[in-house]
Amino acid sequence: MRTLIAILCLALLPVAATDLTGNWKLEGDVADAHIDRMCTIKQAENKLSGTCKSKTNETALTGDVNGKKVTWQYQADYQGQKVTVVFDGTLDSNTAITGTISAEGASGKFTAKKQ
């Protein structure tokens, strides 16, 4: 009986969320632009912050995580104009995210792998 009660109590405990803190290799395509960046993400509760670096620049990111849904954004310079790039993804495992990119009405797909 005690074993059954212990199992039931464990089943009611919340499952610890995956911590996305770390370095992520981000690749994707949106419109005519290929995205290839290394993002350093810091997670505090459900909020994300950090930076994404390309070969030519580094930009700050902000976002949040809700269960397996992960969303973040950053400002990019595209042909001399500032563009907000939004990533909506699903945590496929502790080390992989897949999803869609949107920027100024264009959309595409991305993958991110924890390094």
PDB file of N, CA and C in Angstrom:
ATOM      1  N   MET A   1       0.815  -1.197   0.000  1.00  0.00           N
ATOM      2  CA  MET A   1       0.000   0.000   0.000  1.00  0.00           C
ATOM      3  C   MET A   1       0.865   1.271   0.000  1.00  0.00           C
ATOM      4  N   ARG A   2       1.927   1.265   0.837  1.00  0.00           N
ATOM      5  CA  ARG A   2       2.808   2.437   0.874  1.00  0.00           C
ATOM      6  C   ARG A   2       3.462   2.685  -0.477  1.00  0.00           C
ATOM      7  N   THR A   3       3.829   1.612  -1.176  1.00  0.00           N
ATOM      8  CA  THR A   3       4.448   1.745  -2.489  1.00  0.00           C
ATOM      9  C   THR A   3       3.482   2.401  -3.459  1.00  0.00           C
ATOM     10  N   LEU A   4       2.243   2.007  -3.440  1.00  0.00           N
ATOM     11  CA  LEU A   4       1.227   2.589  -4.314  1.00  0.00           C
ATOM     12  C   LEU A   4       1.041   4.066  -4.007  1.00  0.00           C
ATOM     13  N   ILE A   5       0.984   4.417  -2.743  1.00  0.00           N
ATOM     14  CA  ILE A   5       0.826   5.826  -2.355  1.00  0.00           C
ATOM     15  C   ILE A   5       2.042   6.626  -2.804  1.00  0.00           C
ATOM     16  N   ALA A   6       3.241   6.086  -2.628  1.00  0.00           N
ATOM     17  CA  ALA A   6       4.462   6.776  -3.053  1.00  0.00           C
ATOM     18  C   ALA A   6       4.464   6.993  -4.561  1.00  0.00           C
ATOM     19  N   ILE A   7       4.043   5.989  -5.323  1.00  0.00           N
ATOM     20  CA  ILE A   7       3.988   6.121  -6.783  1.00  0.00           C
ATOM     21  C   ILE A   7       2.977   7.189  -7.188  1.00  0.00           C
ATOM     22  N   LEU A   8       1.808   7.189  -6.539  1.00  0.00           N
ATOM     23  CA  LEU A   8       0.785   8.194  -6.852  1.00  0.00           C
ATOM     24  C   LEU A   8       1.271   9.593  -6.510  1.00  0.00           C
ATOM     25  N   CYS A   9       1.974   9.756  -5.399  1.00  0.00           N
ATOM     26  CA  CYS A   9       2.500  11.066  -5.020  1.00  0.00           C
ATOM     27  C   CYS A   9       3.543  11.549  -6.023  1.00  0.00           C
ATOM     28  N   LEU A  10       4.411  10.654  -6.460  1.00  0.00           N
ATOM     29  CA  LEU A  10       5.417  11.025  -7.456  1.00  0.00           C
ATOM     30  C   LEU A  10       4.772  11.435  -8.771  1.00  0.00           C
ATOM     31  N   ALA A  11       3.685  10.779  -9.144  1.00  0.00           N
ATOM     32  CA  ALA A  11       2.995  11.103 -10.387  1.00  0.00           C
ATOM     33  C   ALA A  11       2.388  12.496 -10.341  1.00  0.00           C
ATOM     34  N   LEU A  12       2.083  12.993  -9.160  1.00  0.00           N
ATOM     35  CA  LEU A  12       1.463  14.309  -9.028  1.00  0.00           C
ATOM     36  C   LEU A  12       2.466  15.452  -8.982  1.00  0.00           C
ATOM     37  N   LEU A  13       3.755  15.134  -8.772  1.00  0.00           N
ATOM     38  CA  LEU A  13       4.776  16.176  -8.743  1.00  0.00           C
ATOM     39  C   LEU A  13       4.998  16.738 -10.139  1.00  0.00           C
ATOM     40  N   PRO A  14       5.209  18.048 -10.260  1.00  0.00           N
ATOM     41  CA  PRO A  14       5.463  18.613 -11.590  1.00  0.00           C
ATOM     42  C   PRO A  14       6.788  18.125 -12.142  1.00  0.00           C
ATOM     43  N   VAL A  15       6.814  17.902 -13.437  1.00  0.00           N
ATOM     44  CA  VAL A  15       8.035  17.502 -14.110  1.00  0.00           C
ATOM     45  C   VAL A  15       8.896  18.736 -14.311  1.00  0.00           C
ATOM     46  N   ALA A  16      10.165  18.637 -13.975  1.00  0.00           N
ATOM     47  CA  ALA A  16      11.072  19.775 -14.133  1.00  0.00           C
ATOM     48  C   ALA A  16      11.201  20.124 -15.614  1.00  0.00           C
ATOM     49  N   ALA A  17      11.090  21.408 -15.910  1.00  0.00           N
ATOM     50  CA  ALA A  17      11.211  21.871 -17.288  1.00  0.00           C
ATOM     51  C   ALA A  17      12.662  21.780 -17.741  1.00  0.00           C
ATOM     52  N   THR A  18      12.856  21.600 -19.012  1.00  0.00           N
ATOM     53  CA  THR A  18      14.193  21.578 -19.572  1.00  0.00           C
ATOM     54  C   THR A  18      14.791  22.973 -19.481  1.00  0.00           C
ATOM     55  N   ASP A  19      16.038  23.049 -19.092  1.00  0.00           N
ATOM     56  CA  ASP A  19      16.732  24.330 -19.025  1.00  0.00           C
ATOM     57  C   ASP A  19      17.420  24.554 -20.362  1.00  0.00           C
ATOM     58  N   LEU A  20      17.043  25.598 -21.062  1.00  0.00           N
ATOM     59  CA  LEU A  20      17.608  25.902 -22.375  1.00  0.00           C
ATOM     60  C   LEU A  20      18.922  26.661 -22.300  1.00  0.00           C
ATOM     61  N   THR A  21      19.387  26.959 -21.088  1.00  0.00           N
ATOM     62  CA  THR A  21      20.639  27.691 -20.920  1.00  0.00           C
ATOM     63  C   THR A  21      21.780  26.949 -21.621  1.00  0.00           C
ATOM     64  N   GLY A  22      22.517  27.684 -22.447  1.00  0.00           N
ATOM     65  CA  GLY A  22      23.653  27.102 -23.147  1.00  0.00           C
ATOM     66  C   GLY A  22      23.821  27.689 -24.531  1.00  0.00           C
ATOM     67  N   ASN A  23      24.698  27.069 -25.306  1.00  0.00           N
ATOM     68  CA  ASN A  23      24.981  27.504 -26.672  1.00  0.00           C
ATOM     69  C   ASN A  23      24.176  26.660 -27.649  1.00  0.00           C
ATOM     70  N   TRP A  24      23.537  27.325 -28.604  1.00  0.00           N
ATOM     71  CA  TRP A  24      22.688  26.665 -29.595  1.00  0.00           C
ATOM     72  C   TRP A  24      23.126  27.058 -30.995  1.00  0.00           C
ATOM     73  N   LYS A  25      23.329  26.083 -31.852  1.00  0.00           N
ATOM     74  CA  LYS A  25      23.637  26.301 -33.278  1.00  0.00           C
ATOM     75  C   LYS A  25      22.302  26.451 -33.995  1.00  0.00           C
ATOM     76  N   LEU A  26      22.055  27.613 -34.557  1.00  0.00           N
ATOM     77  CA  LEU A  26      20.788  27.959 -35.200  1.00  0.00           C
ATOM     78  C   LEU A  26      20.979  28.056 -36.700  1.00  0.00           C
ATOM     79  N   GLU A  27      20.179  27.322 -37.461  1.00  0.00           N
ATOM     80  CA  GLU A  27      20.213  27.391 -38.919  1.00  0.00           C
ATOM     81  C   GLU A  27      18.801  27.420 -39.462  1.00  0.00           C
ATOM     82  N   GLY A  28      18.608  28.204 -40.510  1.00  0.00           N
ATOM     83  CA  GLY A  28      17.296  28.270 -41.132  1.00  0.00           C
ATOM     84  C   GLY A  28      17.306  29.168 -42.345  1.00  0.00           C
ATOM     85  N   ASP A  29      16.156  29.260 -42.972  1.00  0.00           N
ATOM     86  CA  ASP A  29      15.984  30.104 -44.152  1.00  0.00           C
ATOM     87  C   ASP A  29      14.673  30.849 -44.041  1.00  0.00           C
ATOM     88  N   VAL A  30      14.715  32.133 -44.345  1.00  0.00           N
ATOM     89  CA  VAL A  30      13.511  32.956 -44.403  1.00  0.00           C
ATOM     90  C   VAL A  30      13.677  33.895 -45.594  1.00  0.00           C
ATOM     91  N   ALA A  31      12.652  33.931 -46.437  1.00  0.00           N
ATOM     92  CA  ALA A  31      12.714  34.701 -47.689  1.00  0.00           C
ATOM     93  C   ALA A  31      13.968  34.286 -48.449  1.00  0.00           C
ATOM     94  N   ASP A  32      14.820  35.235 -48.815  1.00  0.00           N
ATOM     95  CA  ASP A  32      16.041  34.894 -49.549  1.00  0.00           C
ATOM     96  C   ASP A  32      17.277  34.919 -48.650  1.00  0.00           C
ATOM     97  N   ALA A  33      17.075  34.839 -47.336  1.00  0.00           N
ATOM     98  CA  ALA A  33      18.199  34.918 -46.396  1.00  0.00           C
ATOM     99  C   ALA A  33      18.401  33.588 -45.667  1.00  0.00           C
ATOM    100  N   HIS A  34      19.664  33.141 -45.640  1.00  0.00           N
ATOM    101  CA  HIS A  34      20.028  31.961 -44.849  1.00  0.00           C
ATOM    102  C   HIS A  34      20.522  32.450 -43.491  1.00  0.00           C
ATOM    103  N   ILE A  35      20.013  31.852 -42.438  1.00  0.00           N
ATOM    104  CA  ILE A  35      20.412  32.217 -41.083  1.00  0.00           C
ATOM    105  C   ILE A  35      21.331  31.127 -40.548  1.00  0.00           C
ATOM    106  N   ASP A  36      22.504  31.542 -40.104  1.00  0.00           N
ATOM    107  CA  ASP A  36      23.490  30.631 -39.535  1.00  0.00           C
ATOM    108  C   ASP A  36      24.126  31.374 -38.365  1.00  0.00           C
ATOM    109  N   ARG A  37      23.677  31.078 -37.160  1.00  0.00           N
ATOM    110  CA  ARG A  37      24.134  31.816 -35.980  1.00  0.00           C
ATOM    111  C   ARG A  37      24.419  30.875 -34.825  1.00  0.00           C
ATOM    112  N   MET A  38      25.236  31.346 -33.914  1.00  0.00           N
ATOM    113  CA  MET A  38      25.452  30.668 -32.644  1.00  0.00           C
ATOM    114  C   MET A  38      24.789  31.542 -31.580  1.00  0.00           C
ATOM    115  N   CYS A  39      23.799  30.982 -30.905  1.00  0.00           N
ATOM    116  CA  CYS A  39      23.063  31.733 -29.895  1.00  0.00           C
ATOM    117  C   CYS A  39      23.438  31.225 -28.505  1.00  0.00           C
ATOM    118  N   THR A  40      23.692  32.148 -27.615  1.00  0.00           N
ATOM    119  CA  THR A  40      23.931  31.835 -26.210  1.00  0.00           C
ATOM    120  C   THR A  40      22.675  32.242 -25.465  1.00  0.00           C
ATOM    121  N   ILE A  41      21.975  31.245 -24.943  1.00  0.00           N
ATOM    122  CA  ILE A  41      20.682  31.477 -24.292  1.00  0.00           C
ATOM    123  C   ILE A  41      20.833  31.291 -22.792  1.00  0.00           C
ATOM    124  N   LYS A  42      20.187  32.187 -22.049  1.00  0.00           N
ATOM    125  CA  LYS A  42      20.099  32.089 -20.596  1.00  0.00           C
ATOM    126  C   LYS A  42      18.617  32.006 -20.245  1.00  0.00           C
ATOM    127  N   GLN A  43      18.259  31.017 -19.443  1.00  0.00           N
ATOM    128  CA  GLN A  43      16.867  30.859 -19.030  1.00  0.00           C
ATOM    129  C   GLN A  43      16.741  31.139 -17.540  1.00  0.00           C
ATOM    130  N   ALA A  44      15.793  32.007 -17.179  1.00  0.00           N
ATOM    131  CA  ALA A  44      15.432  32.282 -15.792  1.00  0.00           C
ATOM    132  C   ALA A  44      13.927  32.065 -15.700  1.00  0.00           C
ATOM    133  N   GLU A  45      13.525  30.987 -15.030  1.00  0.00           N
ATOM    134  CA  GLU A  45      12.136  30.544 -14.995  1.00  0.00           C
ATOM    135  C   GLU A  45      11.678  30.333 -16.430  1.00  0.00           C
ATOM    136  N   ASN A  46      10.671  31.069 -16.899  1.00  0.00           N
ATOM    137  CA  ASN A  46      10.209  30.857 -18.274  1.00  0.00           C
ATOM    138  C   ASN A  46      10.696  31.941 -19.243  1.00  0.00           C
ATOM    139  N   LYS A  47      11.579  32.814 -18.798  1.00  0.00           N
ATOM    140  CA  LYS A  47      12.087  33.904 -19.640  1.00  0.00           C
ATOM    141  C   LYS A  47      13.446  33.555 -20.232  1.00  0.00           C
ATOM    142  N   LEU A  48      13.646  33.949 -21.482  1.00  0.00           N
ATOM    143  CA  LEU A  48      14.907  33.728 -22.178  1.00  0.00           C
ATOM    144  C   LEU A  48      15.568  35.063 -22.480  1.00  0.00           C
ATOM    145  N   SER A  49      16.889  35.082 -22.390  1.00  0.00           N
ATOM    146  CA  SER A  49      17.677  36.239 -22.800  1.00  0.00           C
ATOM    147  C   SER A  49      18.982  35.696 -23.358  1.00  0.00           C
ATOM    148  N   GLY A  50      19.752  36.563 -23.973  1.00  0.00           N
ATOM    149  CA  GLY A  50      21.036  36.132 -24.494  1.00  0.00           C
ATOM    150  C   GLY A  50      21.420  36.883 -25.744  1.00  0.00           C
ATOM    151  N   THR A  51      22.294  36.251 -26.531  1.00  0.00           N
ATOM    152  CA  THR A  51      22.776  36.863 -27.767  1.00  0.00           C
ATOM    153  C   THR A  51      22.857  35.822 -28.877  1.00  0.00           C
ATOM    154  N   CYS A  52      22.779  36.306 -30.100  1.00  0.00           N
ATOM    155  CA  CYS A  52      23.009  35.478 -31.283  1.00  0.00           C
ATOM    156  C   CYS A  52      24.094  36.145 -32.112  1.00  0.00           C
ATOM    157  N   LYS A  53      25.094  35.355 -32.502  1.00  0.00           N
ATOM    158  CA  LYS A  53      26.224  35.875 -33.282  1.00  0.00           C
ATOM    159  C   LYS A  53      26.218  35.262 -34.672  1.00  0.00           C
ATOM    160  N   SER A  54      26.445  36.121 -35.651  1.00  0.00           N
ATOM    161  CA  SER A  54      26.720  35.655 -37.013  1.00  0.00           C
ATOM    162  C   SER A  54      28.189  35.948 -37.280  1.00  0.00           C
ATOM    163  N   LYS A  55      28.623  35.745 -38.507  1.00  0.00           N
ATOM    164  CA  LYS A  55      30.015  36.049 -38.849  1.00  0.00           C
ATOM    165  C   LYS A  55      30.293  37.546 -38.802  1.00  0.00           C
ATOM    166  N   THR A  56      29.236  38.372 -38.944  1.00  0.00           N
ATOM    167  CA  THR A  56      29.450  39.812 -39.038  1.00  0.00           C
ATOM    168  C   THR A  56      28.915  40.629 -37.874  1.00  0.00           C
ATOM    169  N   ASN A  57      28.015  40.055 -37.037  1.00  0.00           N
ATOM    170  CA  ASN A  57      27.480  40.861 -35.943  1.00  0.00           C
ATOM    171  C   ASN A  57      26.950  39.992 -34.805  1.00  0.00           C
ATOM    172  N   GLU A  58      26.573  40.668 -33.736  1.00  0.00           N
ATOM    173  CA  GLU A  58      25.987  40.028 -32.567  1.00  0.00           C
ATOM    174  C   GLU A  58      24.769  40.847 -32.158  1.00  0.00           C
ATOM    175  N   THR A  59      23.674  40.176 -31.802  1.00  0.00           N
ATOM    176  CA  THR A  59      22.454  40.869 -31.441  1.00  0.00           C
ATOM    177  C   THR A  59      21.823  40.216 -30.215  1.00  0.00           C
ATOM    178  N   ALA A  60      21.124  41.018 -29.412  1.00  0.00           N
ATOM    179  CA  ALA A  60      20.478  40.514 -28.195  1.00  0.00           C
ATOM    180  C   ALA A  60      19.169  39.815 -28.548  1.00  0.00           C
ATOM    181  N   LEU A  61      18.855  38.755 -27.804  1.00  0.00           N
ATOM    182  CA  LEU A  61      17.582  38.058 -27.992  1.00  0.00           C
ATOM    183  C   LEU A  61      16.782  38.096 -26.704  1.00  0.00           C
ATOM    184  N   THR A  62      15.454  38.024 -26.849  1.00  0.00           N
ATOM    185  CA  THR A  62      14.537  37.888 -25.722  1.00  0.00           C
ATOM    186  C   THR A  62      13.487  36.868 -26.118  1.00  0.00           C
ATOM    187  N   GLY A  63      12.914  36.208 -25.132  1.00  0.00           N
ATOM    188  CA  GLY A  63      11.872  35.237 -25.450  1.00  0.00           C
ATOM    189  C   GLY A  63      11.337  34.565 -24.217  1.00  0.00           C
ATOM    190  N   ASP A  64      10.580  33.493 -24.446  1.00  0.00           N
ATOM    191  CA  ASP A  64      10.052  32.728 -23.337  1.00  0.00           C
ATOM    192  C   ASP A  64       9.823  31.280 -23.742  1.00  0.00           C
ATOM    193  N   VAL A  65       9.634  30.447 -22.736  1.00  0.00           N
ATOM    194  CA  VAL A  65       9.387  29.034 -22.946  1.00  0.00           C
ATOM    195  C   VAL A  65       8.159  28.663 -22.123  1.00  0.00           C
ATOM    196  N   ASN A  66       7.273  27.872 -22.737  1.00  0.00           N
ATOM    197  CA  ASN A  66       6.052  27.429 -22.073  1.00  0.00           C
ATOM    198  C   ASN A  66       5.871  25.955 -22.407  1.00  0.00           C
ATOM    199  N   GLY A  67       6.278  25.086 -21.493  1.00  0.00           N
ATOM    200  CA  GLY A  67       6.252  23.656 -21.785  1.00  0.00           C
ATOM    201  C   GLY A  67       7.265  23.349 -22.869  1.00  0.00           C
ATOM    202  N   LYS A  68       6.804  22.784 -23.980  1.00  0.00           N
ATOM    203  CA  LYS A  68       7.703  22.480 -25.104  1.00  0.00           C
ATOM    204  C   LYS A  68       7.719  23.597 -26.145  1.00  0.00           C
ATOM    205  N   LYS A  69       6.903  24.634 -25.956  1.00  0.00           N
ATOM    206  CA  LYS A  69       6.861  25.753 -26.896  1.00  0.00           C
ATOM    207  C   LYS A  69       7.918  26.784 -26.519  1.00  0.00           C
ATOM    208  N   VAL A  70       8.742  27.140 -27.499  1.00  0.00           N
ATOM    209  CA  VAL A  70       9.835  28.083 -27.294  1.00  0.00           C
ATOM    210  C   VAL A  70       9.689  29.206 -28.318  1.00  0.00           C
ATOM    211  N   THR A  71       9.756  30.447 -27.851  1.00  0.00           N
ATOM    212  CA  THR A  71       9.663  31.599 -28.741  1.00  0.00           C
ATOM    213  C   THR A  71      10.733  32.609 -28.344  1.00  0.00           C
ATOM    214  N   TRP A  72      11.473  33.125 -29.338  1.00  0.00           N
ATOM    215  CA  TRP A  72      12.397  34.213 -29.074  1.00  0.00           C
ATOM    216  C   TRP A  72      12.479  35.098 -30.308  1.00  0.00           C
ATOM    217  N   GLN A  73      13.051  36.278 -30.105  1.00  0.00           N
ATOM    218  CA  GLN A  73      13.196  37.225 -31.213  1.00  0.00           C
ATOM    219  C   GLN A  73      14.446  38.053 -31.026  1.00  0.00           C
ATOM    220  N   TYR A  74      14.891  38.620 -32.139  1.00  0.00           N
ATOM    221  CA  TYR A  74      15.990  39.578 -32.095  1.00  0.00           C
ATOM    222  C   TYR A  74      15.842  40.523 -33.276  1.00  0.00           C
ATOM    223  N   GLN A  75      16.573  41.635 -33.213  1.00  0.00           N
ATOM    224  CA  GLN A  75      16.597  42.621 -34.290  1.00  0.00           C
ATOM    225  C   GLN A  75      17.766  42.303 -35.216  1.00  0.00           C
ATOM    226  N   ALA A  76      17.509  42.283 -36.506  1.00  0.00           N
ATOM    227  CA  ALA A  76      18.565  42.035 -37.487  1.00  0.00           C
ATOM    228  C   ALA A  76      18.613  43.199 -38.472  1.00  0.00           C
ATOM    229  N   ASP A  77      19.770  43.376 -39.057  1.00  0.00           N
ATOM    230  CA  ASP A  77      19.936  44.379 -40.095  1.00  0.00           C
ATOM    231  C   ASP A  77      19.820  43.668 -41.436  1.00  0.00           C
ATOM    232  N   TYR A  78      18.810  44.020 -42.212  1.00  0.00           N
ATOM    233  CA  TYR A  78      18.606  43.396 -43.524  1.00  0.00           C
ATOM    234  C   TYR A  78      18.565  44.485 -44.586  1.00  0.00           C
ATOM    235  N   GLN A  79      19.572  44.521 -45.410  1.00  0.00           N
ATOM    236  CA  GLN A  79      19.701  45.502 -46.483  1.00  0.00           C
ATOM    237  C   GLN A  79      19.542  46.928 -45.948  1.00  0.00           C
ATOM    238  N   GLY A  80      20.194  47.192 -44.801  1.00  0.00           N
ATOM    239  CA  GLY A  80      20.205  48.534 -44.228  1.00  0.00           C
ATOM    240  C   GLY A  80      19.012  48.883 -43.364  1.00  0.00           C
ATOM    241  N   GLN A  81      18.080  47.961 -43.174  1.00  0.00           N
ATOM    242  CA  GLN A  81      16.907  48.238 -42.337  1.00  0.00           C
ATOM    243  C   GLN A  81      16.843  47.261 -41.174  1.00  0.00           C
ATOM    244  N   LYS A  82      16.348  47.744 -40.021  1.00  0.00           N
ATOM    245  CA  LYS A  82      16.157  46.892 -38.851  1.00  0.00           C
ATOM    246  C   LYS A  82      14.902  46.051 -39.039  1.00  0.00           C
ATOM    247  N   VAL A  83      15.044  44.759 -38.815  1.00  0.00           N
ATOM    248  CA  VAL A  83      13.945  43.813 -38.979  1.00  0.00           C
ATOM    249  C   VAL A  83      13.871  42.957 -37.714  1.00  0.00           C
ATOM    250  N   THR A  84      12.659  42.769 -37.194  1.00  0.00           N
ATOM    251  CA  THR A  84      12.464  41.862 -36.066  1.00  0.00           C
ATOM    252  C   THR A  84      12.277  40.458 -36.610  1.00  0.00           C
ATOM    253  N   VAL A  85      13.131  39.529 -36.161  1.00  0.00           N
ATOM    254  CA  VAL A  85      13.082  38.140 -36.589  1.00  0.00           C
ATOM    255  C   VAL A  85      12.544  37.328 -35.408  1.00  0.00           C
ATOM    256  N   VAL A  86      11.436  36.601 -35.640  1.00  0.00           N
ATOM    257  CA  VAL A  86      10.767  35.856 -34.578  1.00  0.00           C
ATOM    258  C   VAL A  86      10.879  34.363 -34.867  1.00  0.00           C
ATOM    259  N   PHE A  87      11.264  33.607 -33.845  1.00  0.00           N
ATOM    260  CA  PHE A  87      11.404  32.161 -33.932  1.00  0.00           C
ATOM    261  C   PHE A  87      10.356  31.522 -33.034  1.00  0.00           C
ATOM    262  N   ASP A  88       9.468  30.712 -33.610  1.00  0.00           N
ATOM    263  CA  ASP A  88       8.467  29.953 -32.861  1.00  0.00           C
ATOM    264  C   ASP A  88       8.801  28.488 -33.043  1.00  0.00           C
ATOM    265  N   GLY A  89       9.174  27.830 -31.954  1.00  0.00           N
ATOM    266  CA  GLY A  89       9.620  26.453 -32.086  1.00  0.00           C
ATOM    267  C   GLY A  89       9.044  25.520 -31.051  1.00  0.00           C
ATOM    268  N   THR A  90       9.345  24.253 -31.268  1.00  0.00           N
ATOM    269  CA  THR A  90       8.969  23.186 -30.358  1.00  0.00           C
ATOM    270  C   THR A  90      10.228  22.463 -29.920  1.00  0.00           C
ATOM    271  N   LEU A  91      10.352  22.262 -28.627  1.00  0.00           N
ATOM    272  CA  LEU A  91      11.479  21.525 -28.081  1.00  0.00           C
ATOM    273  C   LEU A  91      11.253  20.053 -28.393  1.00  0.00           C
ATOM    274  N   ASP A  92      12.031  19.528 -29.338  1.00  0.00           N
ATOM    275  CA  ASP A  92      11.899  18.132 -29.755  1.00  0.00           C
ATOM    276  C   ASP A  92      12.592  17.182 -28.780  1.00  0.00           C
ATOM    277  N   SER A  93      13.649  17.663 -28.141  1.00  0.00           N
ATOM    278  CA  SER A  93      14.385  16.911 -27.125  1.00  0.00           C
ATOM    279  C   SER A  93      15.107  17.946 -26.275  1.00  0.00           C
ATOM    280  N   ASN A  94      15.907  17.507 -25.324  1.00  0.00           N
ATOM    281  CA  ASN A  94      16.654  18.459 -24.494  1.00  0.00           C
ATOM    282  C   ASN A  94      17.701  19.226 -25.282  1.00  0.00           C
ATOM    283  N   THR A  95      17.981  18.761 -26.505  1.00  0.00           N
ATOM    284  CA  THR A  95      19.056  19.376 -27.290  1.00  0.00           C
ATOM    285  C   THR A  95      18.639  19.777 -28.707  1.00  0.00           C
ATOM    286  N   ALA A  96      17.341  19.797 -29.004  1.00  0.00           N
ATOM    287  CA  ALA A  96      16.910  20.139 -30.370  1.00  0.00           C
ATOM    288  C   ALA A  96      15.584  20.889 -30.365  1.00  0.00           C
ATOM    289  N   ILE A  97      15.539  21.949 -31.164  1.00  0.00           N
ATOM    290  CA  ILE A  97      14.328  22.751 -31.365  1.00  0.00           C
ATOM    291  C   ILE A  97      14.104  22.873 -32.861  1.00  0.00           C
ATOM    292  N   THR A  98      12.864  22.715 -33.313  1.00  0.00           N
ATOM    293  CA  THR A  98      12.505  22.963 -34.708  1.00  0.00           C
ATOM    294  C   THR A  98      11.302  23.887 -34.732  1.00  0.00           C
ATOM    295  N   GLY A  99      11.196  24.671 -35.810  1.00  0.00           N
ATOM    296  CA  GLY A  99      10.056  25.564 -35.889  1.00  0.00           C
ATOM    297  C   GLY A  99      10.091  26.473 -37.082  1.00  0.00           C
ATOM    298  N   THR A 100       9.371  27.591 -36.944  1.00  0.00           N
ATOM    299  CA  THR A 100       9.239  28.551 -38.032  1.00  0.00           C
ATOM    300  C   THR A 100       9.863  29.890 -37.656  1.00  0.00           C
ATOM    301  N   ILE A 101      10.311  30.583 -38.693  1.00  0.00           N
ATOM    302  CA  ILE A 101      10.868  31.925 -38.579  1.00  0.00           C
ATOM    303  C   ILE A 101       9.896  32.866 -39.272  1.00  0.00           C
ATOM    304  N   SER A 102       9.673  34.030 -38.691  1.00  0.00           N
ATOM    305  CA  SER A 102       8.907  35.055 -39.406  1.00  0.00           C
ATOM    306  C   SER A 102       9.619  36.397 -39.281  1.00  0.00           C
ATOM    307  N   ALA A 103       9.585  37.156 -40.388  1.00  0.00           N
ATOM    308  CA  ALA A 103      10.220  38.468 -40.426  1.00  0.00           C
ATOM    309  C   ALA A 103       9.559  39.291 -41.515  1.00  0.00           C
ATOM    310  N   GLU A 104       8.957  40.401 -41.128  1.00  0.00           N
ATOM    311  CA  GLU A 104       8.372  41.338 -42.092  1.00  0.00           C
ATOM    312  C   GLU A 104       7.459  40.648 -43.114  1.00  0.00           C
ATOM    313  N   GLY A 105       6.616  39.730 -42.647  1.00  0.00           N
ATOM    314  CA  GLY A 105       5.666  39.060 -43.525  1.00  0.00           C
ATOM    315  C   GLY A 105       6.201  37.826 -44.222  1.00  0.00           C
ATOM    316  N   ALA A 106       7.498  37.599 -44.179  1.00  0.00           N
ATOM    317  CA  ALA A 106       8.088  36.403 -44.778  1.00  0.00           C
ATOM    318  C   ALA A 106       8.185  35.318 -43.706  1.00  0.00           C
ATOM    319  N   SER A 107       8.191  34.064 -44.140  1.00  0.00           N
ATOM    320  CA  SER A 107       8.331  32.981 -43.169  1.00  0.00           C
ATOM    321  C   SER A 107       9.237  31.894 -43.721  1.00  0.00           C
ATOM    322  N   GLY A 108       9.722  31.076 -42.822  1.00  0.00           N
ATOM    323  CA  GLY A 108      10.602  29.978 -43.189  1.00  0.00           C
ATOM    324  C   GLY A 108      10.714  29.006 -42.039  1.00  0.00           C
ATOM    325  N   LYS A 109      11.684  28.123 -42.112  1.00  0.00           N
ATOM    326  CA  LYS A 109      11.865  27.092 -41.095  1.00  0.00           C
ATOM    327  C   LYS A 109      13.265  27.180 -40.501  1.00  0.00           C
ATOM    328  N   PHE A 110      13.399  26.677 -39.256  1.00  0.00           N
ATOM    329  CA  PHE A 110      14.704  26.652 -38.618  1.00  0.00           C
ATOM    330  C   PHE A 110      14.874  25.388 -37.781  1.00  0.00           C
ATOM    331  N   THR A 111      16.134  25.101 -37.471  1.00  0.00           N
ATOM    332  CA  THR A 111      16.502  24.078 -36.505  1.00  0.00           C
ATOM    333  C   THR A 111      17.535  24.694 -35.579  1.00  0.00           C
ATOM    334  N   ALA A 112      17.524  24.258 -34.338  1.00  0.00           N
ATOM    335  CA  ALA A 112      18.530  24.679 -33.365  1.00  0.00           C
ATOM    336  C   ALA A 112      18.978  23.442 -32.608  1.00  0.00           C
ATOM    337  N   LYS A 113      20.294  23.312 -32.449  1.00  0.00           N
ATOM    338  CA  LYS A 113      20.853  22.165 -31.739  1.00  0.00           C
ATOM    339  C   LYS A 113      21.774  22.668 -30.642  1.00  0.00           C
ATOM    340  N   LYS A 114      21.562  22.150 -29.447  1.00  0.00           N
ATOM    341  CA  LYS A 114      22.397  22.545 -28.308  1.00  0.00           C
ATOM    342  C   LYS A 114      23.787  21.965 -28.481  1.00  0.00           C
ATOM    343  N   GLN A 115      24.783  22.799 -28.257  1.00  0.00           N
ATOM    344  CA  GLN A 115      26.184  22.400 -28.445  1.00  0.00           C
ATOM    345  C   GLN A 115      26.793  21.896 -27.162  1.00  0.00           C
TER     346      GLN A 115
END
